[in-house]
């Protein structure tokens, strides 16, 4: 069987994955900043992490997956003020909504989900170490990391410090020794969240949060760090720098994974363009499984374009796959092994589009009654987080079954009374509503027609 290869952002090549401890693979992905509901762009990184962790759990005996929650941030403070609500109330509500959206999409929860506000002590400990080693300095109530004191700064993104600073939106402040220096700790006024520290009452910078939490739960060196490519600079570059300066003998993350951007109708999502959608807005119009399949259809490192037409196509595709599972009686069989074709595709840098192609080949055979292919289709699909339920549940989702059953009974009574005009009218009424009837020896069954 093939080995697992992942594209490492830092080396800019596909590498054979060799865990630091094969008995416990350790993974960290950046989670949400909880000031609003997740939008479909946030979905990309969560899907990448989900497929990765599902695959790792097939390949290794144990996986420890950590995904943080950023619950202290100036965006959160601003939104709470705008809403006229307490910060804790806002973050509790939006975190619950985030969990709800991901559960609907069958995205598995992490093993550990630390909140930034619960790890201030760990952040201050790292900051003290950085100051002691000359990598950070105090200035005007702030503590800043000195990028010039880390010669390897820029290695992750593959650009020099001067290029990074020139191309980034960096805060220009008179108290910075270098424009690229970034905040580890900043002062808080009376209206902002804050904690007591040796540097005065304040709050952490964003970058130190993830470094402290990954260190707390995964150690100073772990296997994989991931997130959207929009986090590559400055967030991940800064995380790497401060973590390695705290522990020069370690690796911090041995592999870095970054997913590509999600577009909406070929353009960057923007509320002004009217193409900005929350996950909930999409799920109000289409099955969650269709959105998941749409996200799986493109390689995680490529750009994915969301359109309503593509979402409808994904729903049609699921109709076909569930039909194949039904034809091959997949749900009546004992659990099968995951097909090698699906595993090999995912082991090639999480190539989900290639894995889906393998599922379609299995579906072709299952449609001809091949039970082994149907069982493999079910096992391979579930590795990808598909096939949330049975075929019957898929085809009957969102439909008032009791009303349909009542009409079927009325049609049966009409046929017994030889009132064939009424029986035909009921069939047509249901067909017009997208419900197809199938008469067989065991009686009449129904299903939703493909849209």
Foldseek 3Di string as FASTA:
>chain_A
DDFFWAQFLLVRGIGGADWPDLQEAEEEEEDEAQQAFAWVQQVLQLLLVQLVVLLSVVVGVYYAYEYEYELADVSLLVSCVVVVHDSVVRRVVRVVNNVVLCVLLLRDDGPYYYYLVVQVVLLQVLLVLCVVLPQWDDFPLWIWGDPVVQVCQPSSNVDDPVVQLVPDDFDDDPRDPDSPIDTQWHADDPSHDWDQDPSGTTDGDPQSSSLSVCCVPPNLEGEEYEEAPVCSPPRVSVNQRSSCSSPVVYDNYPGYYHFYGEAEPPHRDDVVVVRIGGSVRVCVPARSLLSLQLSLQAQRRDYRYDYVVSSLVSLVVVLLLLLLLVQQVQVVDDADDADPQLSVCCSHNHNSNSNVVLLVVLSVVSNVRNNNSSNNSVNSQVSSVHCPDHSQCSFCPPHDVVVLVVLQVVLVVCVVVVVVVSNVVSQVVCVVVQKHWDQDPVGIDIGGHRD
